[in-house]
Every structure is written in structure tokens, then in C-alpha cells.
Amino acid sequence: MCKDMGQSKERAFMKPGRTNKEDRLNFIEFWANYVRTHSDEEWSRQQSVLIDSVIKSAREKSEKIRV
């Protein structure tokens, strides 16, 4: 179980594939199920954290290149 905003939720794991293609298809299935079973606010907040961290990392790398 994992705790999120004071609520207990079962932790879901993605089924590993035998090939890269199977891994990608399993991820699509996993994510589609996640979006269907979680509120817009919850998965949107998680996507925001991911996107913000990618932008931060890109900015930090850009700063290193300029110096």
C-alpha cells in the first residue's frame, strides 16, 4: 500500500515485457488503466511533477553548457 494525501491506495506495478515493444505496450495499458482509475487532479499533479523536473534538468544542463 502507498499513502497519498492521507488516503491508502494499492500500489500498481507494470507487467514486464519480453521485448522492448512489449514493454511499451504494457506501459500504454498500465497508464490508460491508471488514468481511468485515478482522479484528474491526482494524475495531473503527478504529470506536473515529472514535467517540472524535466524542465529543471534541461535548464541546469543549459546553464552548464553556457559557463
C-alpha atoms as a PDB file:
ATOM      1  CA  MET A   1       0.000   0.000   0.000  1.00  0.00           C
ATOM      2  CA  CYS A   2       1.132   3.549  -0.584  1.00  0.00           C
ATOM      3  CA  LYS A   3      -0.102   6.664   1.143  1.00  0.00           C
ATOM      4  CA  ASP A   4      -1.303   9.604  -0.939  1.00  0.00           C
ATOM      5  CA  MET A   5      -2.926  12.693   0.556  1.00  0.00           C
ATOM      6  CA  GLY A   6      -3.965  10.695   3.627  1.00  0.00           C
ATOM      7  CA  GLN A   7      -5.700   8.026   1.567  1.00  0.00           C
ATOM      8  CA  SER A   8      -4.483   4.456   1.303  1.00  0.00           C
ATOM      9  CA  LYS A   9      -4.206   3.060  -2.216  1.00  0.00           C
ATOM     10  CA  GLU A  10      -2.964  -0.227  -3.554  1.00  0.00           C
ATOM     11  CA  ARG A  11       0.339   0.138  -5.368  1.00  0.00           C
ATOM     12  CA  ALA A  12       0.200  -0.984  -9.007  1.00  0.00           C
ATOM     13  CA  PHE A  13       3.132  -2.403 -10.894  1.00  0.00           C
ATOM     14  CA  MET A  14       3.646  -2.673 -14.615  1.00  0.00           C
ATOM     15  CA  LYS A  15       3.983  -6.132 -16.117  1.00  0.00           C
ATOM     16  CA  PRO A  16       7.463  -6.542 -17.669  1.00  0.00           C
ATOM     17  CA  GLY A  17       7.602  -7.474 -21.337  1.00  0.00           C
ATOM     18  CA  ARG A  18       9.920  -9.885 -23.104  1.00  0.00           C
ATOM     19  CA  THR A  19      10.803  -7.281 -25.722  1.00  0.00           C
ATOM     20  CA  ASN A  20      11.063  -3.505 -25.925  1.00  0.00           C
ATOM     21  CA  LYS A  21       7.815  -3.448 -27.919  1.00  0.00           C
ATOM     22  CA  GLU A  22       6.003  -5.464 -25.238  1.00  0.00           C
ATOM     23  CA  ASP A  23       7.359  -3.118 -22.569  1.00  0.00           C
ATOM     24  CA  ARG A  24       5.992  -0.106 -24.457  1.00  0.00           C
ATOM     25  CA  LEU A  25       2.595  -1.738 -24.993  1.00  0.00           C
ATOM     26  CA  ASN A  26       2.428  -2.782 -21.338  1.00  0.00           C
ATOM     27  CA  PHE A  27       3.208   0.788 -20.296  1.00  0.00           C
ATOM     28  CA  ILE A  28       0.408   2.141 -22.500  1.00  0.00           C
ATOM     29  CA  GLU A  29      -2.019  -0.356 -20.960  1.00  0.00           C
ATOM     30  CA  PHE A  30      -0.758   0.455 -17.444  1.00  0.00           C
ATOM     31  CA  TRP A  31      -1.062   4.215 -17.937  1.00  0.00           C
ATOM     32  CA  ALA A  32      -4.504   4.016 -19.592  1.00  0.00           C
ATOM     33  CA  ASN A  33      -5.747   1.971 -16.626  1.00  0.00           C
ATOM     34  CA  TYR A  34      -4.149   4.411 -14.186  1.00  0.00           C
ATOM     35  CA  VAL A  35      -5.841   7.406 -15.822  1.00  0.00           C
ATOM     36  CA  ARG A  36      -9.193   5.595 -15.772  1.00  0.00           C
ATOM     37  CA  THR A  37      -8.912   4.676 -12.079  1.00  0.00           C
ATOM     38  CA  HIS A  38      -7.466   7.907 -10.617  1.00  0.00           C
ATOM     39  CA  SER A  39      -8.870  11.420 -10.445  1.00  0.00           C
ATOM     40  CA  ASP A  40      -7.774  14.030 -12.966  1.00  0.00           C
ATOM     41  CA  GLU A  41      -6.258  16.050 -10.135  1.00  0.00           C
ATOM     42  CA  GLU A  42      -4.120  13.150  -8.922  1.00  0.00           C
ATOM     43  CA  TRP A  43      -2.568  12.072 -12.224  1.00  0.00           C
ATOM     44  CA  SER A  44      -2.331  15.664 -13.436  1.00  0.00           C
ATOM     45  CA  ARG A  45      -0.347  16.581 -10.310  1.00  0.00           C
ATOM     46  CA  GLN A  46       1.989  13.636 -10.903  1.00  0.00           C
ATOM     47  CA  GLN A  47       2.499  14.591 -14.549  1.00  0.00           C
ATOM     48  CA  SER A  48       3.246  18.149 -13.433  1.00  0.00           C
ATOM     49  CA  VAL A  49       5.982  16.907 -11.082  1.00  0.00           C
ATOM     50  CA  LEU A  50       7.541  14.892 -13.919  1.00  0.00           C
ATOM     51  CA  ILE A  51       7.365  17.719 -16.464  1.00  0.00           C
ATOM     52  CA  ASP A  52       8.706  20.287 -13.998  1.00  0.00           C
ATOM     53  CA  SER A  53      11.679  18.035 -13.172  1.00  0.00           C
ATOM     54  CA  VAL A  54      12.487  17.546 -16.873  1.00  0.00           C
ATOM     55  CA  ILE A  55      12.379  21.303 -17.459  1.00  0.00           C
ATOM     56  CA  LYS A  56      14.556  21.946 -14.389  1.00  0.00           C
ATOM     57  CA  SER A  57      17.095  19.363 -15.555  1.00  0.00           C
ATOM     58  CA  ALA A  58      17.196  20.850 -19.068  1.00  0.00           C
ATOM     59  CA  ARG A  59      17.734  24.345 -17.659  1.00  0.00           C
ATOM     60  CA  GLU A  60      20.543  23.135 -15.390  1.00  0.00           C
ATOM     61  CA  LYS A  61      22.268  21.402 -18.301  1.00  0.00           C
ATOM     62  CA  SER A  62      21.832  24.501 -20.449  1.00  0.00           C
ATOM     63  CA  GLU A  63      23.441  26.627 -17.728  1.00  0.00           C
ATOM     64  CA  LYS A  64      26.441  24.273 -17.569  1.00  0.00           C
ATOM     65  CA  ILE A  65      26.925  24.494 -21.341  1.00  0.00           C
ATOM     66  CA  ARG A  66      26.921  28.322 -21.269  1.00  0.00           C
ATOM     67  CA  VAL A  67      29.502  28.541 -18.498  1.00  0.00           C
END
